[in-house]
Amino acid sequence: MGNADYEYPNADCVHRVAIPPPQPFFKSLKYSLKETFFPDDPFRKFKNQTPSIKFVLGLQYFFPIFEWAPKYTLQFLKSDLISGITIASLAIPQGISYAKLANLPPILGLYSSFIPPLIYAMMGSSRDLAVGTVAVGSLLMASMLGRVVNYIENPNLYLHLAFTATFFAGVLQASLGLFRLGFIVDFLSHATIVGFMGGAATVVCLQQLKSILGLEHFTHEADLVSVMRSVFSQTHEWRWESAVLGCCFIFFLLVTRYFSKRQPKFFWVSAMAPLASVILGSLLVYLTHAEKHGVQVIGKLKKGLNPPSVTNLVLVSPYMGTAIKTGLVTGIIALAEGIAVGRSFSMFKNYHIDGNKEMIAIGTMNIFGSFTSCYLTTGPFSRSAVNYNAGCKTAASNIVMAIAVMLTLLFLTPLFHFTPLVVLSAIIVSAMLGLIDYQAAIHLWKIDKFDFLVCFSAYVGVVFGSVEIGLVIAVAVSLLRVLLFIARPRTFLLGNIPNSAVYRNVEQYPNANHVPGILILEIDAPIYFANASYLRERITRWMDEEEDRIKASGQTSLQYVIMNMTTVANIDTSGISMLEECKKSVDRRGLQLVLVNPGSEVMKKLNKSKFLDELGHKWVYLTVEEAVSACNFMLNSYKPNPMKDDSEGWNNA
């Protein structure tokens, strides 16, 4: 249909916008709750099943091992055995390194790679996630607990608070999964995580300067300025032996990683490199007695499996509040990382993981971990990537890794006595450099400048402030963006695509033509109290701008304002008041307001509020084309002021 050809519409061809039948309140509430908490419909497979099958399905839901174990094959065992041994070679040196980063005894890194992986293997739904401690979680715990308790002056209290924080982190994670509140984690956007992880990785690398330079006294602050001041104020205490050793091992680890990336079939080279570094470093120190020349070593590690720690939880004031706060923050970060990593690898293998089940699994392993001398664990990307590349088939690779760590705890811990701390720092630095994803930041800059601002704010907040400040800034900026999306929705001016009946945004389609005498607007968001005032003012401005344009061009005066509400999914009472005010404003100008295709919820509320009766049902159309045809017919057949036209119109014919 062209712009000039308007015929009297055939009433038989016009479809009225239906008002949905009223629904009982509790039925609507039930539907809303289901969509909020059970969007994946986890109970679907339980329908029409016998009680015994329902019991088995319920058991498989909470313990997926009962689902994949009966189908387990010898080929799966071979693949999982190789994967488990490979990730164990990475988990042992990383576990010791990250425990030192958290200012905890190194043996806790091994404890945390034994019990939690066994629990995850039974309860986790990811085949590729390799469980263990993470650098960012370790840094967060050291930063938050270190502000209250000095780990050097009061090591026992610090250790017990770490267990307590892990317990509360697990309680939070499991509760989010059980109560289907996983969507809360989604408030940590991709841009937030990229910036936060990059900033935390930078801070972790800076912290390693203490061991690399062989410094005994170092700042407890994590920001860039404090670290640089601490480093350069002690230049006379730098140990060149330690610095050379550290740089050599960092270079070795980065070269092996680069080689494995270029040659994926040799993934095991970078996976074995940290353990090889520990062995080489230990031999070098042992043979040269470097510990007597300023090279710090781990020292004695306790043999034996995890001792119980449930009685060590600090559940009294004044320290319980600190443990809860630390647990909540570290728990959310660990959860976000674990679920993001699990989903990434599940997409590669084309299978689905349940985010809420993952939360329950991760939370449960942290709760039990806190009872068995473990601290915060999740699914780190580096370890999971090695697990994936090694060809794991099921979560049994975590069991193999746990067995390897168990054997290490029982028989091999004395071998780590001469392991230099600088090698552990080199392992941490090489792992952290992979978390500084500058390519993702460049991509954000190209695609969405606001997302880049979120990313950059998080990075700067962590590096120049603290890990907590960076996290708060990132979440605050992300929430600000969500509020801006809600409070400042987009509205578009629509025009007619030449030689068609299609109406589109004139900014996106510059060839779209204005329809004489008619202003066509589209609202691209639900109408709530947060944006109602803005929309009222914006619609008024659209009308002013259109009238000015008409006066300047000498075209037909404005007679109709059509509002396309196809994308308005919902409306509240403030939104209805806004429409009522808009109608009065339009009436005062001698114009007619026309609505197009309000959704079912919107129609239901407009009808209950009597707004449809006030507007007139004849001024609500199913499509923009029908609305424009009717308005043009009125313009060409009746008086110019539609408000003085008392006819019921063709829509009621």
Foldseek 3Di string as FASTA:
>chain_A
DFQPDFDADDLVPFDFQDFDDDDDPVVVVVVVVCCQQPVVPPCVVVPPDDPVVNVLVVQCQQFVCSVCVVVDDPVLVVLLLLLLVLLLLQQLLLLLLLCVLLVHQSVLSLQQLFQLLVLCQGQFPFFQFAKGDDNLLSNLNSLLLCVPDPCVVCVLLSLQLLLQLLQLLLVVLQVCLVRRVVCVLPLCDPLLQLLLLLQSLVLLLLVLCCQQQLNDDADSARAQVRSVCRCVVPPVSGQVVSNVLLVVLLVVLLVQVVVCVVPVVVLSSNSNSLSVLQLVQLVVCVVVVCCVVRFAASAADAADHFDFCPVSHDPDPDCSVSSNVSSNVSSSSQLSQQVVLSVVVCVVVVDDTDSSSQSSSQSVSSNVSSRRSHGHMGGHNVSSVSSVSSPNDGSCSSVSSSVVSNCCRHPPRRSRRRRTSSSSSSSSSSVSVVSNCVVVLVVCVVPPVLSNVLSNQLSCLCRRPNSVRSSVSSSVSSVVVVLCCQQPFDKAWWAAQRPDLDIDGCVVPVNGHHNFQETEMETQEAAEPNHLVVVLVVVVVSLVVVQVVCVVVVTHGHAEYEYEQQNHQAYDPSNLVSVVVSQVVCVVVLHAYAYEQHDNRHSNVCVVVCVCVVRDSLRYGHDPSVNSSQVVCCCVPHDRRPVPDPDNGSNVD
